[in-house]
Every structure is written in C-alpha cells, then in structure tokens.
Amino acid sequence: MLFEFNLNPRKISLALGLVALYLATQSLINEYILENVLGNARGEISSALLDLFSVNAEETIPTWYATLLLFTAAGLLFLIAALKKKKEQPYARHWFGLAAIFLYLSMDEGAVIHEIASDVIEARFETSGYLTFPWVALFVPLVIVFALVYLRFLFHLPANTRYLFTAAGLLYVGGAAGIEVISANVYGESGITFTYLAIATVEELCEMLGVVVFIYALLDYIAAAQLTAVANFVSVAAISRPAIPSRPPIWRWLSAAVVGMILVANIAVFSWASGQAAEQVAVDPTTVPFYRLVTDRYAGQGVIILGVNELITAENPAAQPIAHSLLTLFDDVIVVTLPPSGISIAFASSGLPFDTQTMATIVQESGETDFVILDTTAVRAIANPTAAQP
C-alpha cells in the first residue's frame, strides 16, 4: 500500500513562523512580568515557570523549538543532497556541507557549544562593550569564509531559491551577529534589564524566522525540482489547485478557543504577578549581598553603614528627613540605592576611605546591576531641596 501525501510549503512555513512569533511574544510578556511587575517579589517556582517560555534562557520551550527548526532544515538538506548524489547532479557535496552545518547549528542551539569558545576568548582578552559576548568575533570570519566558498553554489540555484536563501541568511546572521552585538553592549553597561531582554528577544526571533524562511526555500526547491522520496512535495505555484472544500466550522471554533485560552492565561498570570508585587514583603537590607560585602570590607575603619527600607531619592518625600539626619551627624555621606530591592544603604563618616567610583566597583562585584550612587552633594540636595535650587 502506497502512502502518499502532499505538503504545502507556504502553509507549513506560515505555521512555523506563527509559532516562532508567538513564542517570542510570550517570552517578552513573561520577561516584562519578571522584571517590571514581580521584581524582587519573584519566587523560585514562579521564575522557573515564566522562564520556561523565555527565548533568552536555555532548556526552555523556545530553545527546543529553535533546535527543532534547525534539525528540520538539516534533514531537508540531507534529503536533497542524497537525491542529487543518486542522480549524479552537480553540487551534491555543497548540499551535504550545508546539511552538516545545520546539523551542527541544531546541536549548538541545544547544547550552547559556542559558549565554550566565548568563555575562552573572554578570559584571554577581557572583552567588553559590543564584544561582551566575544563568540561573535569568531562567528563573523566563519560567515565570510562560508560566503566565499558557497558563492558559485548560490548563483547556480534558480532565481527564486537564490533570493530566498539570501533573505534567510540575512535574517539569521543579522540576528545572530548584528543584533547580538547591540544586546551585548547593553548587557555590558546595564546587566540583565528589560531593555536588554527585549533586544535579545528580537535577536532570537530573527534567527528563528531566518530558519523558517530557509525551510520554505528548501520545500519550494524540492517541489519545483520535482524531487520525490517517500513524500511528494508539491509546489502550489506549479500546479492548478483542485477545489478545496470549506473548512469545517469546528476548526474555526478550535482556533478561536486556543487564542482565547492564551489571552486568558496571560491576563491571569499578569494579574497574579501584580498581586504578588503588591504584597511584597520589605527586604531586610542586612541580607543583601552588597551590604554583607561592604560590612566585611570596611568593618573597624570608622565607617557607619546604615540599611534603610526606603529609596533615598529626590522624588521620595520620606528620604528628606533621613538625609538631613545623616548630614547633621556626619560630614561625609555616600548613599547607594537599589531600586529592585526598594532599599538604600548609607555610608557615613567624618572622612570616608572611598569615593563613588570605588563604591560603584564594589556594588558591581556584589552582583547588583540596577543601582544609583549619591555623593555628599547629592545627599545634601535631598536633605535641603530649597537650598539646592538656584
């Protein structure tokens, strides 16, 4: 019994693209909830569940999907290569080469192999800025070599396939290298913030859409070339389509139900996260790693270290009496505010043994990325805002 079925490249690619778009959107929503709604109120279980849909983490559903896309592309390339070799057609080796490359990319996506090279380069050259993720410095030359080796192969392809391959490559490389260096620079300056996560999400989406376009190009090429293995891939443009019966109403209801469930689930999660943030218990400043670090470092040096459950800022009315009290007792005051924790840590003395630049380095050593440092002049402006005005 012959089991034959037809695959529509356009419909398959559209479905794959919609899934990629949904995963990226869901990831962005979850990152927003974690960073801007839950903040310090996030728990281990809630973080794990929300990160399950993150495109910026490993061992997640989007990572599995991206790996599956790359593996599918590798399978299609192996199929084309095998058929080309059997028919003794030219460029069979190039097709096998592409298949091997995409097989490696699928393994790298799942196992993050490139991070090994990245760690070695970072440790040796201490990269920063746009090369905070230094694997890009190795990736770009490899892409150039690949382009030179495959240039003749690209121009031997049919025009439509050539354009699709080029578009897919620009999308994938543009995301993997172009947007990656932008996100690396933001990460190097601010650490993990929602801005960084949003840029990184766009990067991952470009990579997934690039592979989807490539899969469409391969399916369309198989159909146009009438390459037949077990399944028969039929190009929509190459044949006259028979009349398609109208879709049963149940599919419309099912599609609407799935979209509705996704919307309801997101609204429910957002509402729950808002409630968790509203019920957030005040953080004990003495439990913050930064507080413990500076206490160990400056104990016995005549420095008063005071943890405050308030953000000492010009916008917070409760900060004025605190700042005034500190300046009444001490001549030299530096305050570090930690917005995610909702606390401030004040350092006071007749002469502090460090400046704001040294303090910034210590804060970063403790793992904090979102902080503000106020020197004595800034604290004085909060204590007496009228005198600070010209």
Protein backbone atom coordinates (compact mmCIF):
# COMPACT_ATOMS: atom_id res chain seq x y z
CA MET A 1 0.00 0.00 0.00
CA LEU A 2 1.44 3.33 -1.09
CA PHE A 3 1.10 6.08 1.47
CA GLU A 4 1.31 9.38 -0.38
CA PHE A 5 0.69 12.86 0.94
CA ASN A 6 1.30 16.37 -0.33
CA LEU A 7 2.97 19.12 1.67
CA ASN A 8 2.23 22.77 1.02
CA PRO A 9 5.48 24.74 1.58
CA ARG A 10 3.68 28.02 2.09
CA LYS A 11 1.23 26.72 4.69
CA ILE A 12 3.91 24.80 6.57
CA SER A 13 6.22 27.83 6.70
CA LEU A 14 3.39 30.14 7.74
CA ALA A 15 2.52 27.82 10.62
CA LEU A 16 6.17 27.57 11.70
CA GLY A 17 6.54 31.36 11.52
CA LEU A 18 3.41 31.97 13.59
CA VAL A 19 4.67 29.60 16.29
CA ALA A 20 8.02 31.45 16.37
CA LEU A 21 6.23 34.81 16.60
CA TYR A 22 4.03 33.55 19.43
CA LEU A 23 6.98 32.16 21.41
CA ALA A 24 8.89 35.44 21.08
CA THR A 25 5.84 37.48 22.11
CA GLN A 26 5.11 35.19 25.05
CA SER A 27 8.74 35.40 26.11
CA LEU A 28 8.63 39.20 26.05
CA ILE A 29 5.45 39.22 28.15
CA ASN A 30 6.99 36.86 30.71
CA GLU A 31 10.23 38.88 30.87
CA TYR A 32 8.21 42.04 31.49
CA ILE A 33 6.31 40.36 34.31
CA LEU A 34 9.54 39.09 35.90
CA GLU A 35 11.50 42.34 35.60
CA ASN A 36 8.87 45.08 35.91
CA VAL A 37 5.92 43.54 37.76
CA LEU A 38 7.28 40.89 40.13
CA GLY A 39 10.71 42.41 40.59
CA ASN A 40 12.09 41.37 43.95
CA ALA A 41 8.84 39.52 44.77
CA ARG A 42 9.62 36.75 42.29
CA GLY A 43 9.85 33.28 43.73
CA GLU A 44 11.82 30.25 42.61
CA ILE A 45 8.77 28.44 41.23
CA SER A 46 7.26 31.49 39.51
CA SER A 47 10.62 32.35 37.91
CA ALA A 48 11.07 28.78 36.68
CA LEU A 49 7.57 28.62 35.17
CA LEU A 50 7.80 32.02 33.46
CA ASP A 51 11.34 31.31 32.23
CA LEU A 52 10.02 28.12 30.62
CA PHE A 53 8.85 30.31 27.72
CA SER A 54 11.93 32.55 27.61
CA VAL A 55 13.87 32.73 24.35
CA ASN A 56 16.82 34.12 26.34
CA ALA A 57 17.33 31.07 28.57
CA GLU A 58 18.47 27.52 27.95
CA GLU A 59 16.39 24.37 28.49
CA THR A 60 13.16 26.15 27.52
CA ILE A 61 10.36 25.53 25.02
CA PRO A 62 11.60 28.24 22.59
CA THR A 63 15.11 26.74 22.68
CA TRP A 64 13.67 23.30 21.91
CA TYR A 65 11.64 24.79 19.05
CA ALA A 66 14.65 26.62 17.59
CA THR A 67 16.65 23.38 17.79
CA LEU A 68 13.83 21.52 16.04
CA LEU A 69 13.72 24.11 13.23
CA LEU A 70 17.46 23.79 12.59
CA PHE A 71 17.25 19.99 12.69
CA THR A 72 14.35 20.04 10.21
CA ALA A 73 16.40 22.19 7.85
CA ALA A 74 19.31 19.75 8.21
CA GLY A 75 17.02 16.81 7.38
CA LEU A 76 15.70 18.50 4.24
CA LEU A 77 19.25 19.34 3.16
CA PHE A 78 20.36 15.72 3.63
CA LEU A 79 17.36 14.60 1.55
CA ILE A 80 18.25 16.96 -1.30
CA ALA A 81 21.94 16.01 -1.10
CA ALA A 82 21.16 12.28 -1.26
CA LEU A 83 18.86 12.73 -4.27
CA LYS A 84 21.44 14.93 -6.02
CA LYS A 85 24.15 12.34 -5.45
CA LYS A 86 21.94 9.48 -6.66
CA LYS A 87 21.18 11.36 -9.89
CA GLU A 88 24.88 12.38 -10.17
CA GLN A 89 23.94 16.04 -10.38
CA PRO A 90 26.45 18.84 -9.63
CA TYR A 91 26.96 20.48 -6.22
CA ALA A 92 25.87 17.41 -4.25
CA ARG A 93 28.84 17.99 -1.93
CA HIS A 94 27.70 21.55 -1.26
CA TRP A 95 24.28 20.26 -0.23
CA PHE A 96 25.91 17.71 2.11
CA GLY A 97 28.07 20.52 3.51
CA LEU A 98 25.01 22.65 4.23
CA ALA A 99 23.32 19.67 5.88
CA ALA A 100 26.33 19.15 8.16
CA ILE A 101 26.42 22.86 9.06
CA PHE A 102 22.75 22.94 10.02
CA LEU A 103 23.09 19.70 11.96
CA TYR A 104 25.88 21.36 13.96
CA LEU A 105 23.79 24.52 14.42
CA SER A 106 20.94 22.44 15.83
CA MET A 107 23.33 20.80 18.30
CA ASP A 108 24.83 24.16 19.22
CA GLU A 109 21.39 25.65 19.81
CA GLY A 110 20.51 22.90 22.24
CA ALA A 111 23.92 22.43 23.90
CA VAL A 112 25.25 26.03 23.63
CA ILE A 113 28.61 24.81 22.29
CA HIS A 114 29.65 28.31 21.18
CA GLU A 115 29.72 29.42 24.83
CA ILE A 116 32.88 27.32 25.31
CA ALA A 117 34.76 29.38 22.71
CA SER A 118 33.18 32.54 24.09
CA ASP A 119 34.44 31.82 27.62
CA VAL A 120 37.97 31.12 26.35
CA ILE A 121 38.12 34.36 24.33
CA GLU A 122 36.64 36.42 27.16
CA ALA A 123 39.11 35.05 29.69
CA ARG A 124 42.08 35.69 27.39
CA PHE A 125 41.23 39.13 26.01
CA GLU A 126 38.84 40.54 28.66
CA THR A 127 36.36 41.74 26.03
CA SER A 128 33.70 44.33 26.76
CA GLY A 129 31.23 46.68 25.06
CA TYR A 130 29.96 45.34 21.74
CA LEU A 131 32.16 42.26 22.24
CA THR A 132 30.84 41.42 25.71
CA PHE A 133 29.75 38.17 24.04
CA PRO A 134 33.06 37.56 22.19
CA TRP A 135 31.99 34.49 20.20
CA VAL A 136 30.76 36.95 17.55
CA ALA A 137 34.40 37.79 16.77
CA LEU A 138 34.87 34.15 15.75
CA PHE A 139 31.46 33.81 14.06
CA VAL A 140 31.82 36.70 11.58
CA PRO A 141 35.05 35.44 9.88
CA LEU A 142 33.50 31.98 9.56
CA VAL A 143 30.45 33.51 7.85
CA ILE A 144 32.71 35.36 5.40
CA VAL A 145 34.62 32.17 4.56
CA PHE A 146 31.33 30.30 4.14
CA ALA A 147 30.00 33.00 1.79
CA LEU A 148 33.11 32.83 -0.39
CA VAL A 149 33.04 29.02 -0.59
CA TYR A 150 29.32 28.88 -1.43
CA LEU A 151 29.12 31.87 -3.79
CA ARG A 152 29.17 29.81 -7.01
CA PHE A 153 26.72 27.34 -5.50
CA LEU A 154 24.34 30.19 -4.67
CA PHE A 155 24.36 31.55 -8.23
CA HIS A 156 23.70 28.15 -9.78
CA LEU A 157 20.38 27.93 -7.92
CA PRO A 158 17.09 29.04 -9.50
CA ALA A 159 16.45 32.76 -9.03
CA ASN A 160 13.58 32.29 -6.57
CA THR A 161 15.57 29.85 -4.42
CA ARG A 162 18.61 32.14 -4.54
CA TYR A 163 16.61 35.13 -3.29
CA LEU A 164 15.02 33.08 -0.51
CA PHE A 165 18.41 31.67 0.59
CA THR A 166 19.83 35.20 0.69
CA ALA A 167 16.87 36.56 2.67
CA ALA A 168 17.09 33.68 5.14
CA GLY A 169 20.83 34.21 5.58
CA LEU A 170 20.46 37.94 6.17
CA LEU A 171 17.74 37.34 8.76
CA TYR A 172 19.68 34.65 10.60
CA VAL A 173 23.13 36.26 10.53
CA GLY A 174 21.64 39.70 11.16
CA GLY A 175 20.06 38.35 14.33
CA ALA A 176 22.92 36.09 15.42
CA ALA A 177 25.66 38.70 14.90
CA GLY A 178 24.15 42.14 14.15
CA ILE A 179 21.58 42.41 16.93
CA GLU A 180 23.74 40.24 19.21
CA VAL A 181 26.48 42.90 19.44
CA ILE A 182 23.87 45.55 20.30
CA SER A 183 22.42 43.42 23.09
CA ALA A 184 25.96 42.63 24.26
CA ASN A 185 26.76 46.33 24.62
CA VAL A 186 23.54 46.95 26.59
CA TYR A 187 24.30 43.95 28.81
CA GLY A 188 27.85 45.17 29.40
CA GLU A 189 26.59 48.59 30.51
CA SER A 190 23.46 47.69 32.49
CA GLY A 191 23.42 43.94 33.07
CA ILE A 192 20.16 41.99 32.76
CA THR A 193 17.44 44.60 32.31
CA PHE A 194 14.15 44.51 30.42
CA THR A 195 15.74 46.60 27.65
CA TYR A 196 18.47 44.01 27.20
CA LEU A 197 15.96 41.15 27.27
CA ALA A 198 13.75 42.89 24.68
CA ILE A 199 16.69 43.35 22.28
CA ALA A 200 17.80 39.76 22.84
CA THR A 201 14.25 38.57 22.11
CA VAL A 202 14.27 40.37 18.74
CA GLU A 203 17.61 38.69 18.04
CA GLU A 204 16.24 35.22 18.75
CA LEU A 205 13.10 35.92 16.71
CA CYS A 206 15.21 36.95 13.70
CA GLU A 207 17.17 33.71 13.97
CA MET A 208 14.01 31.58 14.12
CA LEU A 209 12.34 33.44 11.24
CA GLY A 210 15.54 33.14 9.21
CA VAL A 211 15.42 29.34 9.58
CA VAL A 212 11.68 29.32 8.76
CA VAL A 213 12.34 31.21 5.51
CA PHE A 214 15.15 28.75 4.75
CA ILE A 215 12.84 25.76 5.34
CA TYR A 216 10.29 27.33 2.98
CA ALA A 217 13.02 27.80 0.37
CA LEU A 218 14.05 24.14 0.67
CA LEU A 219 10.48 22.83 0.45
CA ASP A 220 9.78 25.07 -2.53
CA TYR A 221 13.02 23.93 -4.21
CA ILE A 222 12.12 20.26 -3.68
CA ALA A 223 8.68 20.87 -5.16
CA ALA A 224 9.89 22.90 -8.14
CA ALA A 225 12.64 20.38 -8.96
CA GLN A 226 10.13 17.54 -8.57
CA LEU A 227 12.45 15.64 -6.25
CA THR A 228 10.50 12.70 -4.84
CA ALA A 229 11.48 10.45 -1.98
CA VAL A 230 8.86 8.91 0.28
CA ALA A 231 6.70 12.03 0.41
CA ASN A 232 5.69 14.08 -2.59
CA PHE A 233 6.22 17.81 -2.06
CA VAL A 234 4.03 19.77 -4.46
CA SER A 235 4.65 23.42 -5.27
CA VAL A 236 1.47 25.49 -5.03
CA ALA A 237 2.61 27.69 -7.91
CA ALA A 238 3.45 24.76 -10.19
CA ILE A 239 0.08 23.05 -10.28
CA SER A 240 -3.52 24.03 -10.62
CA ARG A 241 -5.09 23.57 -7.24
CA PRO A 242 -8.24 21.49 -7.05
CA ALA A 243 -11.22 22.94 -5.33
CA ILE A 244 -10.69 22.74 -1.60
CA PRO A 245 -13.76 22.00 0.46
CA SER A 246 -14.63 24.61 3.01
CA ARG A 247 -13.06 24.11 6.40
CA PRO A 248 -15.39 22.57 8.92
CA PRO A 249 -16.63 25.15 11.42
CA ILE A 250 -15.08 23.14 14.26
CA TRP A 251 -11.57 24.29 13.21
CA ARG A 252 -12.60 27.91 13.40
CA TRP A 253 -14.01 27.38 16.86
CA LEU A 254 -10.89 25.46 17.88
CA SER A 255 -8.57 28.22 16.62
CA ALA A 256 -10.61 30.86 18.43
CA ALA A 257 -10.57 28.75 21.59
CA VAL A 258 -6.76 28.40 21.52
CA VAL A 259 -6.26 32.15 21.03
CA GLY A 260 -8.79 32.84 23.78
CA MET A 261 -7.04 30.46 26.19
CA ILE A 262 -3.68 32.13 25.53
CA LEU A 263 -5.15 35.58 26.19
CA VAL A 264 -6.93 34.44 29.36
CA ALA A 265 -3.77 32.70 30.62
CA ASN A 266 -1.65 35.83 30.07
CA ILE A 267 -4.21 38.06 31.78
CA ALA A 268 -4.37 35.66 34.72
CA VAL A 269 -0.57 35.49 35.06
CA PHE A 270 -0.25 39.28 34.81
CA SER A 271 -2.94 39.77 37.46
CA TRP A 272 -1.29 37.23 39.76
CA ALA A 273 2.13 38.87 39.30
CA SER A 274 0.67 42.30 40.07
CA GLY A 275 -0.85 40.90 43.26
CA GLN A 276 2.43 39.30 44.27
CA ALA A 277 4.28 42.58 43.74
CA ALA A 278 1.69 44.47 45.79
CA GLU A 279 2.11 42.02 48.68
CA GLN A 280 5.88 42.13 48.55
CA VAL A 281 7.46 41.87 51.99
CA ALA A 282 10.04 44.55 52.82
CA VAL A 283 13.60 43.39 52.19
CA ASP A 284 15.96 43.34 55.13
CA PRO A 285 18.94 45.45 53.94
CA THR A 286 21.36 43.39 56.03
CA THR A 287 20.55 40.29 53.95
CA VAL A 288 21.56 41.90 50.65
CA PRO A 289 24.92 40.53 49.35
CA PHE A 290 26.20 44.08 48.77
CA TYR A 291 25.58 45.01 52.42
CA ARG A 292 27.49 41.97 53.67
CA LEU A 293 30.36 42.66 51.27
CA VAL A 294 30.92 46.28 52.36
CA THR A 295 30.46 45.37 56.02
CA ASP A 296 33.24 42.79 55.80
CA ARG A 297 35.47 45.16 53.86
CA TYR A 298 35.12 48.32 55.96
CA ALA A 299 34.43 46.96 59.45
CA GLY A 300 36.61 48.68 62.04
CA GLN A 301 37.53 51.64 59.79
CA GLY A 302 35.22 54.16 61.42
CA VAL A 303 32.55 53.89 58.71
CA ILE A 304 28.90 53.83 59.78
CA ILE A 305 26.87 51.57 57.47
CA LEU A 306 23.11 52.01 57.68
CA GLY A 307 20.49 49.98 55.79
CA VAL A 308 17.22 51.82 55.08
CA ASN A 309 13.93 50.37 53.78
CA GLU A 310 13.41 53.43 51.60
CA LEU A 311 14.75 54.64 48.29
CA ILE A 312 16.73 57.77 49.14
CA THR A 313 15.94 59.82 46.06
CA ALA A 314 14.81 63.36 45.35
CA GLU A 315 11.39 62.00 44.30
CA ASN A 316 10.74 60.24 47.63
CA PRO A 317 9.46 62.62 50.37
CA ALA A 318 10.46 60.12 53.07
CA ALA A 319 14.10 60.45 52.03
CA GLN A 320 14.47 64.09 53.17
CA PRO A 321 14.48 63.55 56.97
CA ILE A 322 16.82 60.56 56.59
CA ALA A 323 19.31 62.56 54.54
CA HIS A 324 19.04 65.51 56.94
CA SER A 325 19.76 63.29 59.97
CA LEU A 326 22.82 61.76 58.34
CA LEU A 327 24.32 65.15 57.43
CA THR A 328 23.62 66.50 60.90
CA LEU A 329 25.83 63.81 62.44
CA PHE A 330 28.45 63.29 59.73
CA ASP A 331 30.39 65.43 57.25
CA ASP A 332 30.85 62.80 54.56
CA VAL A 333 27.90 60.69 53.33
CA ILE A 334 27.51 58.37 50.33
CA VAL A 335 24.23 56.57 49.63
CA VAL A 336 23.67 53.55 47.37
CA THR A 337 20.04 52.96 46.35
CA LEU A 338 18.92 49.57 45.00
CA PRO A 339 15.57 50.11 43.18
CA PRO A 340 14.79 46.39 42.58
CA SER A 341 15.01 45.74 46.35
CA GLY A 342 13.42 49.05 47.39
CA ILE A 343 16.23 49.78 49.84
CA SER A 344 19.15 52.17 50.32
CA ILE A 345 22.45 51.69 52.12
CA ALA A 346 24.12 54.79 53.56
CA PHE A 347 27.81 55.19 54.41
CA ALA A 348 28.72 57.98 56.81
CA SER A 349 31.91 59.19 58.47
CA SER A 350 33.96 62.30 59.10
CA GLY A 351 36.04 61.15 56.15
CA LEU A 352 35.08 58.11 54.07
CA PRO A 353 38.00 55.92 52.88
CA PHE A 354 36.47 55.55 49.39
CA ASP A 355 34.79 57.62 46.68
CA THR A 356 31.73 56.99 44.48
CA GLN A 357 33.79 55.34 41.74
CA THR A 358 35.24 52.82 44.18
CA MET A 359 31.78 52.20 45.58
CA ALA A 360 30.38 51.56 42.07
CA THR A 361 33.01 48.87 41.56
CA ILE A 362 32.09 47.22 44.86
CA VAL A 363 28.38 47.26 44.00
CA GLN A 364 29.07 45.52 40.70
CA GLU A 365 31.26 42.95 42.45
CA SER A 366 28.29 42.03 44.62
CA GLY A 367 26.23 41.22 41.53
CA GLU A 368 23.95 44.27 41.57
CA THR A 369 23.28 45.80 38.15
CA ASP A 370 20.50 48.31 38.84
CA PHE A 371 21.70 50.91 41.35
CA VAL A 372 22.22 54.65 41.91
CA ILE A 373 25.06 56.20 43.92
CA LEU A 374 24.66 59.61 45.59
CA ASP A 375 27.66 61.59 46.82
CA THR A 376 27.57 64.06 49.72
CA THR A 377 26.46 66.93 47.47
CA ALA A 378 23.53 64.91 46.11
CA VAL A 379 22.51 63.81 49.62
CA ARG A 380 22.68 67.43 50.77
CA ALA A 381 20.36 68.43 47.90
CA ILE A 382 17.82 65.84 49.09
CA ALA A 383 18.13 66.99 52.71
CA ASN A 384 17.59 70.64 51.79
CA PRO A 385 15.94 70.83 48.35
CA THR A 386 15.17 74.54 48.72
CA ALA A 387 18.83 75.46 49.15
CA ALA A 388 19.77 73.31 46.17
CA GLN A 389 17.50 75.32 43.84
CA PRO A 390 19.21 78.29 42.05
